Protein backbone atom coordinates (compact mmCIF):
# COMPACT_ATOMS: atom_id res chain seq x y z
CA MET A 1 -23.19 24.19 12.26
CA VAL A 2 -19.91 25.37 10.78
CA SER A 3 -17.52 22.79 9.34
CA ILE A 4 -13.76 23.30 9.55
CA GLY A 5 -11.58 22.25 6.65
CA ALA A 6 -11.04 22.64 2.94
CA PHE A 7 -13.96 21.60 0.75
CA PRO A 8 -14.12 20.98 -2.99
CA ILE A 9 -16.14 23.07 -5.43
CA ILE A 10 -17.42 20.60 -7.99
CA PRO A 11 -18.83 21.70 -11.34
CA SER A 12 -21.76 19.75 -12.74
CA ASN A 13 -23.45 19.59 -16.12
CA ASN A 14 -26.79 19.22 -14.30
CA LEU A 15 -26.88 20.79 -10.85
CA SER A 16 -30.19 19.10 -9.94
CA ASP A 17 -28.71 15.66 -10.67
CA ALA A 18 -25.63 16.54 -8.61
CA VAL A 19 -27.77 17.59 -5.63
CA ALA A 20 -29.75 14.34 -5.87
CA PHE A 21 -26.51 12.30 -5.93
CA TRP A 22 -25.11 14.00 -2.82
CA GLN A 23 -28.44 13.65 -1.03
CA ARG A 24 -28.30 9.92 -1.74
CA MET A 25 -24.79 9.91 -0.23
CA GLY A 26 -26.31 11.30 2.98
CA PHE A 27 -25.68 15.01 2.51
CA ALA A 28 -28.30 17.74 2.93
CA ARG A 29 -28.56 21.02 1.08
CA SER A 30 -27.81 23.93 3.41
CA ASN A 31 -28.47 26.97 1.22
CA THR A 32 -31.07 28.24 -1.26
CA ASP A 33 -28.90 29.67 -4.05
CA ASP A 34 -29.87 28.17 -7.44
CA ASN A 35 -26.37 28.43 -8.97
CA TYR A 36 -24.11 27.54 -6.04
CA VAL A 37 -25.16 24.74 -3.71
CA ILE A 38 -23.60 23.81 -0.37
CA MET A 39 -24.19 20.22 0.72
CA ARG A 40 -23.37 19.20 4.31
CA GLY A 41 -23.06 15.74 5.77
CA TRP A 42 -20.75 13.35 7.58
CA ASP A 43 -19.06 16.34 9.28
CA CYS A 44 -17.94 17.91 5.99
CA GLU A 45 -19.17 19.95 3.04
CA VAL A 46 -19.23 19.69 -0.73
CA HIS A 47 -19.89 22.79 -2.82
CA LEU A 48 -21.56 22.40 -6.22
CA ILE A 49 -21.68 24.83 -9.12
CA GLN A 50 -23.36 24.66 -12.51
CA ALA A 51 -20.72 23.92 -15.14
CA GLY A 52 -20.39 26.21 -18.09
CA SER A 53 -17.84 26.69 -20.81
CA GLY A 54 -14.15 27.19 -20.28
CA PRO A 55 -12.32 25.86 -17.23
CA TRP A 56 -15.52 24.82 -15.42
CA SER A 57 -16.67 22.66 -18.32
CA VAL A 58 -17.14 18.97 -17.47
CA PRO A 59 -15.99 16.94 -20.49
CA GLU A 60 -18.20 14.04 -21.47
CA ASN A 61 -16.71 10.63 -20.55
CA ASN A 62 -13.50 12.19 -19.22
CA ASN A 63 -14.31 14.03 -15.99
CA PRO A 64 -11.08 15.29 -14.37
CA PHE A 65 -12.78 16.18 -11.08
CA GLY A 66 -12.64 14.08 -7.95
CA VAL A 67 -13.40 14.28 -4.25
CA PHE A 68 -11.97 12.48 -1.24
CA ILE A 69 -14.21 12.36 1.83
CA ARG A 70 -12.39 11.51 5.05
CA THR A 71 -14.92 10.10 7.50
CA PRO A 72 -15.20 7.14 9.84
CA HIS A 73 -18.63 6.41 8.27
CA VAL A 74 -17.16 4.68 5.20
CA GLU A 75 -19.35 1.57 5.41
CA ALA A 76 -22.58 3.55 5.96
CA ILE A 77 -21.93 5.69 2.89
CA ALA A 78 -20.92 2.68 0.76
CA ALA A 79 -24.16 0.92 1.70
CA ARG A 80 -26.21 3.92 0.49
CA VAL A 81 -24.68 3.80 -3.01
CA ASP A 82 -23.69 0.16 -3.50
CA ASP A 83 -24.77 0.20 -7.16
CA LEU A 84 -22.42 3.13 -7.86
CA ILE A 85 -19.27 1.53 -6.43
CA ILE A 86 -16.55 1.27 -9.05
CA ARG A 87 -15.87 -2.43 -9.54
CA PRO A 88 -13.63 -4.25 -9.23
CA GLY A 89 -11.00 -1.72 -8.11
CA GLY A 90 -13.14 0.57 -5.98
CA VAL A 91 -14.71 -1.99 -3.68
CA LEU A 92 -14.62 -1.26 0.04
CA ARG A 93 -11.38 -2.58 1.54
CA HIS A 94 -8.20 -1.69 3.39
CA ARG A 95 -5.72 -0.20 0.88
CA GLU A 96 -1.98 -0.65 0.93
CA TRP A 97 -1.58 3.08 1.68
CA GLY A 98 -3.35 2.59 5.03
CA ILE A 99 -6.86 3.81 4.21
CA TYR A 100 -10.10 1.84 4.50
CA GLU A 101 -11.69 3.10 1.29
CA VAL A 102 -14.37 2.79 -1.36
CA GLY A 103 -14.48 4.34 -4.87
CA ILE A 104 -17.80 5.67 -6.16
CA CYS A 105 -18.86 6.93 -9.57
CA GLY A 106 -20.59 10.24 -8.86
CA HIS A 107 -22.58 12.69 -10.94
CA ASP A 108 -21.09 13.42 -14.37
CA GLY A 109 -18.55 10.64 -13.72
CA THR A 110 -16.95 12.48 -10.79
CA LEU A 111 -14.65 10.16 -8.85
CA VAL A 112 -15.73 10.11 -5.20
CA ARG A 113 -13.46 8.28 -2.79
CA VAL A 114 -14.54 7.80 0.81
CA GLY A 115 -12.03 6.63 3.38
CA TRP A 116 -10.68 6.60 6.90
CA PRO A 117 -7.29 5.49 8.28
CA SER A 118 -7.22 1.69 8.61
CA GLN A 119 -5.68 1.79 12.08
CA LEU A 120 -8.70 3.78 13.30
CA ILE A 121 -11.25 1.36 11.79
CA GLY A 122 -10.17 -1.67 13.79
CA GLY A 123 -8.49 -3.53 10.94
CA GLY A 124 -5.25 -1.77 11.76
CA ASP A 125 -1.88 -2.80 10.44
CA ALA A 126 -2.92 -6.44 10.00
CA ALA A 127 -5.61 -5.42 7.51
CA VAL A 128 -3.15 -3.26 5.57
CA ARG A 129 -0.64 -6.15 5.47
CA SER A 130 -3.33 -8.51 4.15
CA ALA A 131 -4.27 -5.94 1.48
CA ASP A 132 -0.59 -5.84 0.42
CA GLN A 133 -0.61 -9.63 0.02
CA ALA A 134 -3.89 -9.72 -1.99
């Protein structure tokens, strides 16, 4: 299967840990290269690379890298990694910008946001209005 879209290349201090995290999120490894891993799931891809020095370095406790996964399977993914949800701000809910979203702390502190347009989830505009009032 070939996915269409733009996909992030995420450096990791420990590529094995990164693969395990994405597998837990419901992705499967689709290649055999030891230094560059392609993970596929939820109709998208994430590419992983072993961090090194220089611009690919992942600073400890201050990871600048993040990923947004746009999928209608927000709740299914959130359920797989409930203990990694960033609380209180990242809990699964309709956001004021119109996205039903969850924030997850990924490998090496990578911010992983998973979301889908609220109006396509069934909460629609009413859910976004109630999020604005919360």
